[in-house]
Protein backbone atom coordinates (compact mmCIF):
# COMPACT_ATOMS: atom_id res chain seq x y z
CA MET A 1 148.20 231.30 -103.67
CA ASN A 2 148.54 230.02 -100.26
CA VAL A 3 152.02 229.98 -98.40
CA VAL A 4 153.38 228.41 -95.23
CA ILE A 5 156.59 229.70 -93.98
CA ILE A 6 157.64 228.15 -90.89
CA GLY A 7 160.33 230.41 -88.99
CA SER A 8 159.83 233.86 -87.83
CA GLY A 9 163.98 235.20 -88.21
CA ALA A 10 165.29 237.00 -90.72
CA GLY A 11 164.81 234.25 -93.72
CA GLY A 12 161.23 233.86 -92.60
CA LEU A 13 160.14 237.52 -92.34
CA THR A 14 161.76 239.08 -95.41
CA THR A 15 160.23 235.93 -97.59
CA ALA A 16 156.70 237.12 -96.33
CA SER A 17 156.96 240.73 -97.01
CA ASN A 18 158.53 239.89 -100.42
CA ILE A 19 155.54 237.81 -101.09
CA LYS A 20 153.24 240.50 -100.55
CA LYS A 21 155.63 242.81 -102.59
CA TYR A 22 155.18 241.10 -106.00
CA SER A 23 151.78 239.26 -105.00
CA ALA A 24 149.43 241.46 -103.05
CA ASN A 25 146.83 238.76 -103.09
CA ALA A 26 148.95 235.74 -101.98
CA LYS A 27 147.57 233.77 -98.56
CA ILE A 28 150.35 234.28 -96.12
CA THR A 29 151.33 232.57 -92.66
CA ILE A 30 154.04 231.96 -90.55
CA LEU A 31 154.26 229.64 -87.63
CA THR A 32 156.90 230.06 -85.27
CA GLU A 33 157.65 228.99 -82.07
CA ASP A 34 159.10 231.95 -80.73
CA LYS A 35 157.13 234.78 -78.51
CA HIS A 36 158.68 237.75 -80.37
CA ILE A 37 159.57 238.36 -83.95
CA ALA A 38 161.86 241.02 -86.54
CA TYR A 39 164.32 241.25 -83.66
CA SER A 40 168.37 240.33 -83.95
CA PRO A 41 169.55 237.70 -81.75
CA CYS A 42 172.88 239.91 -82.82
CA ALA A 43 171.97 242.86 -80.78
CA ILE A 44 171.25 241.01 -76.98
CA PRO A 45 175.22 241.30 -75.99
CA TYR A 46 174.28 244.94 -76.70
CA VAL A 47 171.65 245.27 -74.19
CA ILE A 48 172.80 243.15 -72.08
CA GLY A 49 176.46 245.44 -71.63
CA GLY A 50 174.13 248.54 -71.55
CA GLU A 51 174.34 249.95 -74.58
CA ILE A 52 171.04 249.35 -75.65
CA GLU A 53 168.53 250.04 -73.07
CA LYS A 54 165.87 247.63 -72.84
CA PHE A 55 164.94 244.47 -74.80
CA GLU A 56 161.57 245.90 -76.34
CA ASN A 57 163.87 248.43 -78.12
CA ILE A 58 165.27 245.51 -80.32
CA VAL A 59 162.21 244.76 -81.76
CA MET A 60 161.39 246.27 -85.01
CA HIS A 61 158.35 244.71 -86.12
CA THR A 62 155.27 242.62 -84.09
CA PRO A 63 152.70 240.53 -85.47
CA LYS A 64 149.89 242.99 -85.48
CA ASP A 65 152.20 244.88 -87.95
CA TYR A 66 152.63 242.09 -90.64
CA GLU A 67 148.49 241.24 -89.68
CA ARG A 68 148.42 245.25 -91.79
CA LYS A 69 150.22 243.59 -94.29
CA GLY A 70 147.62 240.93 -94.89
CA ILE A 71 150.38 238.49 -93.06
CA GLU A 72 149.30 236.07 -90.38
CA VAL A 73 151.30 235.42 -88.02
CA ILE A 74 150.97 232.22 -85.14
CA THR A 75 153.29 233.12 -82.40
CA GLU A 76 154.26 230.62 -79.72
CA SER A 77 153.32 227.59 -82.15
CA LYS A 78 155.35 224.42 -82.79
CA VAL A 79 155.26 222.70 -85.87
CA VAL A 80 155.30 219.32 -85.40
CA ASP A 81 155.33 217.44 -89.15
CA VAL A 82 155.08 217.99 -92.66
CA VAL A 83 153.37 215.61 -94.84
CA ALA A 84 154.61 216.80 -98.20
CA ASN A 85 152.78 214.53 -100.49
CA GLN A 86 149.53 216.15 -99.72
CA ASN A 87 150.73 219.54 -98.66
CA ILE A 88 149.97 219.68 -95.13
CA VAL A 89 151.85 221.45 -92.19
CA ILE A 90 150.72 219.92 -88.81
CA TYR A 91 151.44 222.00 -85.42
CA GLU A 92 150.45 222.86 -82.01
CA GLU A 93 149.15 225.52 -80.52
CA LYS A 94 148.40 225.84 -77.17
CA GLY A 95 148.85 222.11 -76.67
CA ILE A 96 145.84 221.94 -79.56
CA LYS A 97 147.16 220.02 -82.71
CA LYS A 98 146.39 221.33 -85.75
CA GLU A 99 146.87 221.63 -89.40
CA ILE A 100 146.96 223.60 -92.61
CA SER A 101 147.42 223.30 -95.92
CA TYR A 102 149.74 224.75 -98.51
CA GLU A 103 150.33 225.43 -102.03
CA LYS A 104 153.90 226.76 -101.20
CA LEU A 105 155.94 225.88 -97.86
CA VAL A 106 159.34 227.67 -97.30
CA ILE A 107 161.25 226.05 -94.20
CA ALA A 108 163.55 228.63 -92.57
CA THR A 109 164.01 226.81 -89.21
CA GLY A 110 167.22 228.58 -88.31
CA GLY A 111 169.49 227.12 -85.92
CA THR A 112 169.52 225.68 -82.34
CA PRO A 113 172.95 226.52 -79.93
CA PHE A 114 174.95 223.61 -79.85
CA ILE A 115 175.67 222.85 -76.27
CA PRO A 116 178.31 220.19 -75.59
CA PRO A 117 177.43 217.67 -73.73
CA ILE A 118 179.62 218.14 -70.60
CA ASP A 119 178.68 217.87 -66.71
CA GLY A 120 176.33 220.47 -65.47
CA VAL A 121 175.03 222.15 -68.56
CA ASN A 122 171.85 221.83 -67.18
CA LEU A 123 172.16 223.55 -63.91
CA LYS A 124 170.71 227.48 -63.12
CA GLY A 125 172.79 230.04 -64.37
CA VAL A 126 174.11 228.46 -67.68
CA PHE A 127 172.73 229.86 -70.49
CA LYS A 128 172.47 229.91 -74.12
CA VAL A 129 171.93 233.45 -76.24
CA ARG A 130 169.64 233.00 -79.15
CA THR A 131 165.96 234.59 -77.98
CA ILE A 132 165.25 237.88 -76.07
CA GLU A 133 164.15 235.11 -73.29
CA ASP A 134 167.57 234.05 -73.41
CA GLY A 135 168.65 237.51 -73.03
CA GLN A 136 166.20 238.43 -70.14
CA SER A 137 167.38 235.69 -67.90
CA ILE A 138 171.06 236.26 -68.37
CA LYS A 139 170.09 240.63 -67.68
CA GLU A 140 168.21 238.98 -64.66
CA TRP A 141 170.72 236.61 -63.40
CA THR A 142 173.85 239.23 -63.83
CA LYS A 143 171.97 241.17 -61.26
CA THR A 144 173.34 238.70 -58.13
CA THR A 145 176.52 238.07 -60.37
CA LYS A 146 180.08 238.83 -59.89
CA GLN A 147 182.28 236.02 -61.91
CA ALA A 148 180.92 234.87 -65.18
CA VAL A 149 182.61 231.84 -67.63
CA VAL A 150 182.07 232.05 -71.48
CA ALA A 151 182.65 228.90 -73.56
CA GLY A 152 182.92 229.71 -77.10
CA ALA A 153 185.58 232.93 -78.26
CA GLY A 154 183.73 233.55 -81.96
CA ALA A 155 181.60 236.68 -82.44
CA ILE A 156 178.85 236.37 -79.93
CA GLY A 157 180.69 234.92 -77.26
CA LEU A 158 183.53 238.02 -77.43
CA GLU A 159 180.45 240.14 -77.57
CA MET A 160 178.52 238.97 -74.48
CA ALA A 161 182.05 238.85 -72.79
CA PHE A 162 182.33 243.00 -72.89
CA GLY A 163 179.16 243.03 -72.14
CA LEU A 164 179.01 241.27 -68.71
CA LYS A 165 182.61 242.97 -68.00
CA GLU A 166 181.14 246.28 -69.09
CA ILE A 167 178.47 245.92 -66.08
CA GLY A 168 181.05 245.35 -63.47
CA ILE A 169 181.37 241.11 -63.95
CA ASP A 170 184.53 239.78 -63.59
CA VAL A 171 184.84 237.37 -66.85
CA THR A 172 186.67 234.29 -68.25
CA VAL A 173 186.92 233.19 -71.80
CA VAL A 174 187.59 229.80 -73.00
CA GLU A 175 188.30 228.56 -76.19
CA MET A 176 189.22 225.18 -77.40
CA VAL A 177 191.26 226.33 -80.28
CA PRO A 178 194.82 228.17 -79.95
CA GLN A 179 192.74 231.55 -81.12
CA VAL A 180 189.84 234.24 -80.78
CA PHE A 181 187.62 234.64 -83.83
CA PRO A 182 189.09 231.40 -85.36
CA ARG A 183 186.21 231.53 -87.86
CA ALA A 184 187.08 234.60 -89.15
CA LEU A 185 190.45 235.91 -88.53
CA ASP A 186 194.16 234.53 -88.73
CA PRO A 187 196.04 233.99 -85.79
CA GLU A 188 198.09 237.38 -85.97
CA MET A 189 194.78 239.53 -86.19
CA ALA A 190 193.49 237.53 -83.63
CA LYS A 191 196.35 238.43 -81.52
CA ILE A 192 195.10 241.90 -81.72
CA VAL A 193 191.68 241.50 -80.17
CA GLN A 194 193.04 238.97 -77.66
CA GLU A 195 194.81 241.61 -76.16
CA TYR A 196 192.47 244.61 -76.23
CA LEU A 197 190.20 241.95 -74.53
CA GLU A 198 193.18 241.70 -72.15
CA GLU A 199 193.99 245.07 -71.73
CA ASN A 200 190.05 245.55 -70.71
CA GLY A 201 190.28 243.05 -67.85
CA ILE A 202 188.94 240.19 -69.65
CA ARG A 203 190.89 236.54 -68.99
CA ILE A 204 190.95 234.20 -72.08
CA ILE A 205 192.18 230.51 -71.83
CA LEU A 206 192.91 229.22 -75.31
CA GLU A 207 193.31 225.24 -76.10
CA LYS A 208 191.13 223.99 -73.28
CA PRO A 209 187.54 222.70 -73.43
CA LEU A 210 185.35 223.80 -70.86
CA GLY A 211 185.06 220.41 -68.67
CA LYS A 212 182.53 220.50 -66.36
CA ILE A 213 180.05 222.36 -64.48
CA ILE A 214 180.24 222.20 -60.68
CA GLY A 215 177.43 222.57 -58.58
CA ASN A 216 174.10 221.18 -56.94
CA GLU A 217 170.84 223.61 -58.51
CA LYS A 218 172.73 226.32 -60.03
CA VAL A 219 176.47 226.95 -60.77
CA LYS A 220 178.89 227.20 -58.76
CA ALA A 221 182.23 226.77 -60.44
CA VAL A 222 183.79 225.28 -63.91
CA ILE A 223 186.74 222.88 -64.52
CA ILE A 224 188.95 223.94 -67.49
CA GLY A 225 191.76 221.78 -67.97
CA GLU A 226 193.01 221.38 -64.43
CA GLU A 227 192.13 224.47 -63.29
CA GLN A 228 188.75 225.27 -61.49
CA ILE A 229 187.21 228.45 -61.54
CA ASP A 230 184.69 230.26 -59.69
CA THR A 231 181.69 231.68 -61.09
CA GLU A 232 177.70 232.01 -60.72
CA LEU A 233 176.73 232.43 -64.23
CA VAL A 234 177.86 230.58 -68.08
CA ILE A 235 177.46 231.61 -70.89
CA MET A 236 177.66 229.04 -73.47
CA SER A 237 178.61 230.11 -76.74
CA THR A 238 180.01 226.95 -78.43
CA GLY A 239 178.29 227.30 -82.06
CA VAL A 240 174.83 226.57 -84.02
CA ARG A 241 173.53 224.15 -85.71
CA SER A 242 171.20 223.56 -88.31
CA ASN A 243 167.29 222.85 -88.15
CA ILE A 244 166.81 220.51 -90.26
CA GLU A 245 164.17 217.79 -88.67
CA LEU A 246 161.22 219.10 -90.59
CA ALA A 247 162.97 219.13 -93.45
CA LYS A 248 164.06 215.37 -92.74
CA LEU A 249 160.11 214.31 -92.45
CA ALA A 250 159.25 216.24 -95.41
CA GLY A 251 161.63 214.04 -97.60
CA CYS A 252 163.58 217.13 -98.80
CA GLU A 253 167.13 215.74 -99.86
CA ILE A 254 169.58 216.87 -96.90
CA GLY A 255 173.63 217.58 -97.29
CA ARG A 256 176.65 217.76 -95.04
CA TRP A 257 175.18 219.82 -92.64
CA ALA A 258 171.90 221.38 -93.80
CA ILE A 259 169.31 221.66 -96.42
CA LEU A 260 170.37 221.50 -99.78
CA THR A 261 168.47 223.88 -102.48
CA ASN A 262 169.17 225.43 -106.15
CA ASN A 263 169.65 228.86 -106.84
CA LEU A 264 165.84 229.33 -106.98
CA MET A 265 165.96 228.54 -103.46
CA GLN A 266 164.04 225.38 -104.05
CA THR A 267 164.57 221.59 -102.35
CA SER A 268 164.47 218.47 -103.71
CA ILE A 269 160.39 218.72 -103.28
CA GLU A 270 159.67 221.47 -105.87
CA ASN A 271 156.87 223.74 -104.18
CA ILE A 272 159.16 223.71 -100.48
CA TYR A 273 161.66 226.39 -100.57
CA ALA A 274 164.15 227.05 -97.67
CA VAL A 275 166.39 229.76 -96.40
CA GLY A 276 168.60 230.64 -93.89
CA ASP A 277 171.09 228.85 -91.08
CA CYS A 278 169.27 225.71 -92.14
CA VAL A 279 170.54 225.74 -95.57
CA GLU A 280 174.01 224.69 -97.17
CA VAL A 281 175.72 228.02 -99.40
CA ILE A 282 177.95 227.92 -102.42
CA ASP A 283 181.01 229.09 -101.24
CA ALA A 284 182.16 232.35 -103.75
CA ILE A 285 186.70 230.88 -103.70
CA THR A 286 186.17 227.47 -103.41
CA GLY A 287 182.35 226.52 -104.96
CA GLN A 288 182.06 224.19 -102.29
CA ASN A 289 178.97 223.43 -99.99
CA THR A 290 179.20 225.83 -97.03
CA LEU A 291 177.23 227.31 -93.89
CA SER A 292 176.41 231.61 -93.80
CA PRO A 293 174.42 231.29 -90.38
CA PHE A 294 174.76 235.32 -90.83
CA GLY A 295 171.08 237.49 -91.11
CA THR A 296 172.88 239.18 -94.36
CA THR A 297 172.73 235.68 -95.96
CA ALA A 298 169.40 234.98 -94.75
CA VAL A 299 167.67 238.36 -96.08
CA ARG A 300 169.15 237.64 -99.75
CA GLN A 301 167.72 234.23 -99.65
CA GLY A 302 164.94 235.43 -98.54
CA LYS A 303 164.08 237.82 -101.48
CA VAL A 304 165.03 235.28 -103.89
CA ALA A 305 162.69 232.77 -102.14
CA ALA A 306 160.06 235.32 -102.53
CA LYS A 307 160.58 236.05 -106.18
CA SER A 308 160.57 232.76 -107.30
CA ILE A 309 157.59 231.66 -105.99
CA ALA A 310 155.79 235.03 -107.33
CA GLY A 311 157.33 233.46 -110.99
CA ILE A 312 160.10 236.10 -111.17
CA ASP A 313 163.01 235.37 -112.20
CA ALA A 314 166.26 235.15 -109.45
CA GLU A 315 169.14 233.25 -108.42
CA SER A 316 171.17 233.24 -105.18
CA SER A 317 174.57 234.02 -105.08
CA PRO A 318 177.62 232.16 -103.77
CA VAL A 319 178.87 233.76 -100.63
CA LEU A 320 182.17 235.38 -99.00
CA ASN A 321 180.71 235.26 -95.95
CA SER A 322 181.45 238.99 -94.84
CA MET A 323 181.19 239.81 -91.01
CA VAL A 324 182.10 242.70 -88.57
CA SER A 325 181.72 242.94 -84.84
CA LYS A 326 181.98 245.47 -82.18
CA ILE A 327 183.88 244.48 -78.88
CA GLY A 328 183.98 247.57 -76.65
CA ALA A 329 186.02 250.11 -79.12
CA LEU A 330 187.60 247.76 -80.86
CA GLU A 331 185.38 246.88 -84.45
CA ILE A 332 186.42 243.58 -86.25
CA GLY A 333 185.85 242.63 -89.78
CA GLY A 334 186.44 239.96 -92.27
CA THR A 335 185.42 238.65 -95.91
CA GLY A 336 186.30 235.91 -98.13
CA MET A 337 189.16 233.32 -96.59
CA THR A 338 191.98 233.64 -94.26
CA GLU A 339 194.96 232.54 -95.42
CA THR A 340 194.41 229.29 -92.85
CA ALA A 341 191.17 228.11 -94.72
CA ALA A 342 193.40 228.68 -98.30
CA LYS A 343 195.98 226.76 -97.01
CA MET A 344 193.85 224.04 -96.07
CA ASN A 345 192.33 224.25 -99.43
CA GLY A 346 195.03 224.10 -101.44
CA ILE A 347 195.55 227.15 -102.22
CA ASP A 348 199.13 228.89 -102.32
CA VAL A 349 198.41 232.47 -101.32
CA VAL A 350 200.52 235.74 -101.14
CA ILE A 351 199.72 237.88 -97.89
CA GLY A 352 199.63 241.70 -98.06
CA ASN A 353 199.97 243.43 -94.41
CA ALA A 354 199.42 247.01 -93.42
CA LYS A 355 199.45 249.30 -90.38
CA ALA A 356 197.97 252.80 -91.34
CA LEU A 357 195.78 255.51 -89.73
CA THR A 358 191.88 256.08 -90.20
CA ARG A 359 192.56 259.93 -90.37
CA ALA A 360 195.78 262.29 -91.79
CA ARG A 361 198.39 261.52 -89.65
CA TYR A 362 198.11 265.35 -88.59
CA TYR A 363 193.94 265.06 -87.98
CA PRO A 364 192.88 264.74 -84.13
CA GLY A 365 191.29 261.19 -83.22
CA GLY A 366 192.72 258.75 -85.95
CA GLU A 367 193.39 255.29 -84.70
CA PRO A 368 195.46 252.68 -85.86
CA ILE A 369 193.93 250.54 -88.73
CA PHE A 370 194.98 246.74 -89.87
CA ILE A 371 195.02 245.02 -92.32
CA LYS A 372 195.47 241.76 -94.29
CA LEU A 373 194.74 241.03 -97.62
CA VAL A 374 194.78 237.33 -98.67
CA CYS A 375 195.77 236.83 -102.48
CA GLU A 376 195.65 233.74 -105.04
CA LYS A 377 199.32 233.21 -105.76
CA ASN A 378 198.70 232.17 -109.29
CA SER A 379 195.37 234.42 -110.24
CA ARG A 380 196.95 237.75 -108.29
CA ARG A 381 193.04 238.08 -107.19
CA ILE A 382 192.27 238.99 -103.91
CA ILE A 383 190.17 236.32 -102.22
CA GLY A 384 190.49 237.64 -98.46
CA CYS A 385 190.62 240.46 -96.03
CA GLN A 386 190.62 241.02 -92.16
CA ILE A 387 190.72 244.57 -90.86
CA ILE A 388 190.46 245.58 -87.43
CA SER A 389 190.40 249.17 -86.05
CA LYS A 390 188.22 251.29 -83.76
CA GLU A 391 186.51 253.35 -86.92
CA ARG A 392 186.08 252.69 -90.60
CA VAL A 393 186.29 248.99 -90.21
CA ALA A 394 182.28 248.36 -91.73
CA GLU A 395 182.94 250.45 -95.09
CA ARG A 396 185.95 248.92 -95.70
CA VAL A 397 184.87 245.43 -95.53
CA ASP A 398 181.64 245.51 -97.62
CA ALA A 399 184.00 247.36 -100.25
CA MET A 400 186.55 244.53 -100.31
CA SER A 401 183.60 241.88 -100.77
CA ILE A 402 182.63 243.68 -103.88
CA ALA A 403 186.27 243.47 -105.19
CA ILE A 404 186.40 240.02 -104.29
CA SER A 405 183.17 239.22 -105.50
CA LYS A 406 184.53 240.94 -108.77
CA LYS A 407 187.45 238.48 -108.90
CA MET A 408 189.50 241.87 -108.43
CA THR A 409 193.52 241.56 -108.46
CA VAL A 410 195.99 243.27 -106.31
CA ASP A 411 197.44 244.77 -109.30
CA GLU A 412 193.72 246.22 -109.83
CA LEU A 413 193.01 247.28 -106.53
CA LEU A 414 196.70 248.98 -105.98
CA ASN A 415 195.26 251.54 -108.85
CA GLN A 416 191.45 251.89 -107.33
CA GLU A 417 190.83 255.08 -106.56
CA PHE A 418 189.63 256.44 -103.38
CA SER A 419 188.02 259.27 -101.40
CA TYR A 420 190.18 261.60 -99.19
CA ALA A 421 189.31 264.29 -96.60
CA PRO A 422 191.73 264.90 -93.27
CA PRO A 423 188.95 263.71 -90.71
CA VAL A 424 187.60 260.57 -91.94
CA SER A 425 190.75 259.09 -94.17
CA MET A 426 194.55 259.11 -95.02
CA VAL A 427 195.24 260.80 -98.74
CA ILE A 428 196.55 256.93 -99.64
CA ASP A 429 193.74 254.42 -97.97
CA PRO A 430 195.29 252.08 -95.60
CA LEU A 431 193.89 249.58 -98.30
CA THR A 432 196.38 250.34 -101.05
CA PHE A 433 199.07 249.89 -98.63
CA ALA A 434 198.16 246.68 -97.84
CA ALA A 435 197.82 246.19 -101.82
CA GLU A 436 201.38 247.73 -101.93
CA ASP A 437 202.62 245.18 -99.43
CA ALA A 438 201.21 241.73 -101.50
CA PHE A 439 202.56 243.57 -105.02
CA GLU A 440 205.79 243.17 -103.66
CA LYS A 441 206.06 240.04 -102.66
CA PHE A 442 204.73 238.67 -106.40
């Protein structure tokens, strides 16, 4: 079996490794524009901030590592066409046009940072955050930077902002909507994060777009509303768009935002599969199509695609878009629907809130933990959860992801058994307090 994979992100590499796992004799070729492979862009802010020493440390595997598995990786190669009726991929390597045939093709082209069309975005000192090369360029630029502006207050934007602050740069974050973390948190939870950032010296400007970037060859200032802010560095963290051009060239069906696949990760063309940020997924709460730009989703899809290609039964699952972020000492997590999203989808909800401690109150070092549960009013089932604390967030988000996936009701969570030891938890878990608060409102 001859398989060609376009893209070397989490989805593409997972698909390749798992095909080899199930079909040892498969011939697999990965084509990627990247110079480095097998790293997470999510790690870039932590290299910038100095928590990770150098970019080399975030590269987990090299092309030679995959070569030893029998997988060929052709780096710095740009695919320019997919001729589906001939099962041929055309690509350019070092300026030379080449072609490769396939029996099965996997499109794992990921996404590209969206850069809004404003004046000055092409000036030196304006950066996106997607590749190791981006990170290296930013780190080099920060050596002569005293002030920075970050456009976008999602996870990457805020992680970058804190990383820059950690190395002594004055940082301003600008966000078009009225809150930080607009997709993952409700306003009152987002306020906790905003206050933490402001306490640490990061300025937050909400409900105003980045209007203009000023400079000759390089950045000197930005215009935000009617205010001009001097800066030598601008980070554009303004969202990601799915890379779907090759899928269009191949003739694959495209949805509202990205490539459409079935639950085997097959596109509308039987021998072409797609995984990762370039694919639309099913929302576990609404049943509607959405996007899931997370490495965890790409890995799960890659495993399904590999099994499907190898002739093994597998199906992709709807997503809750579970996330966690660490900004300074603060951990922020969420899964399922926010209250805001539920109301936008016409779902009546009951909310459970809790503020508790991460350890027994007499045990030193316990931190406040804030929890919000979103419960569907009619069925009493939990459809969302948000958690903020300085510890013990990720494991609780994961637990709630399982609970929501299994359609657990607030009554069932209220009676759920939790573990306890004074150094790591309270005798009554904070999730139970949130469930009690919701239960009393039904």
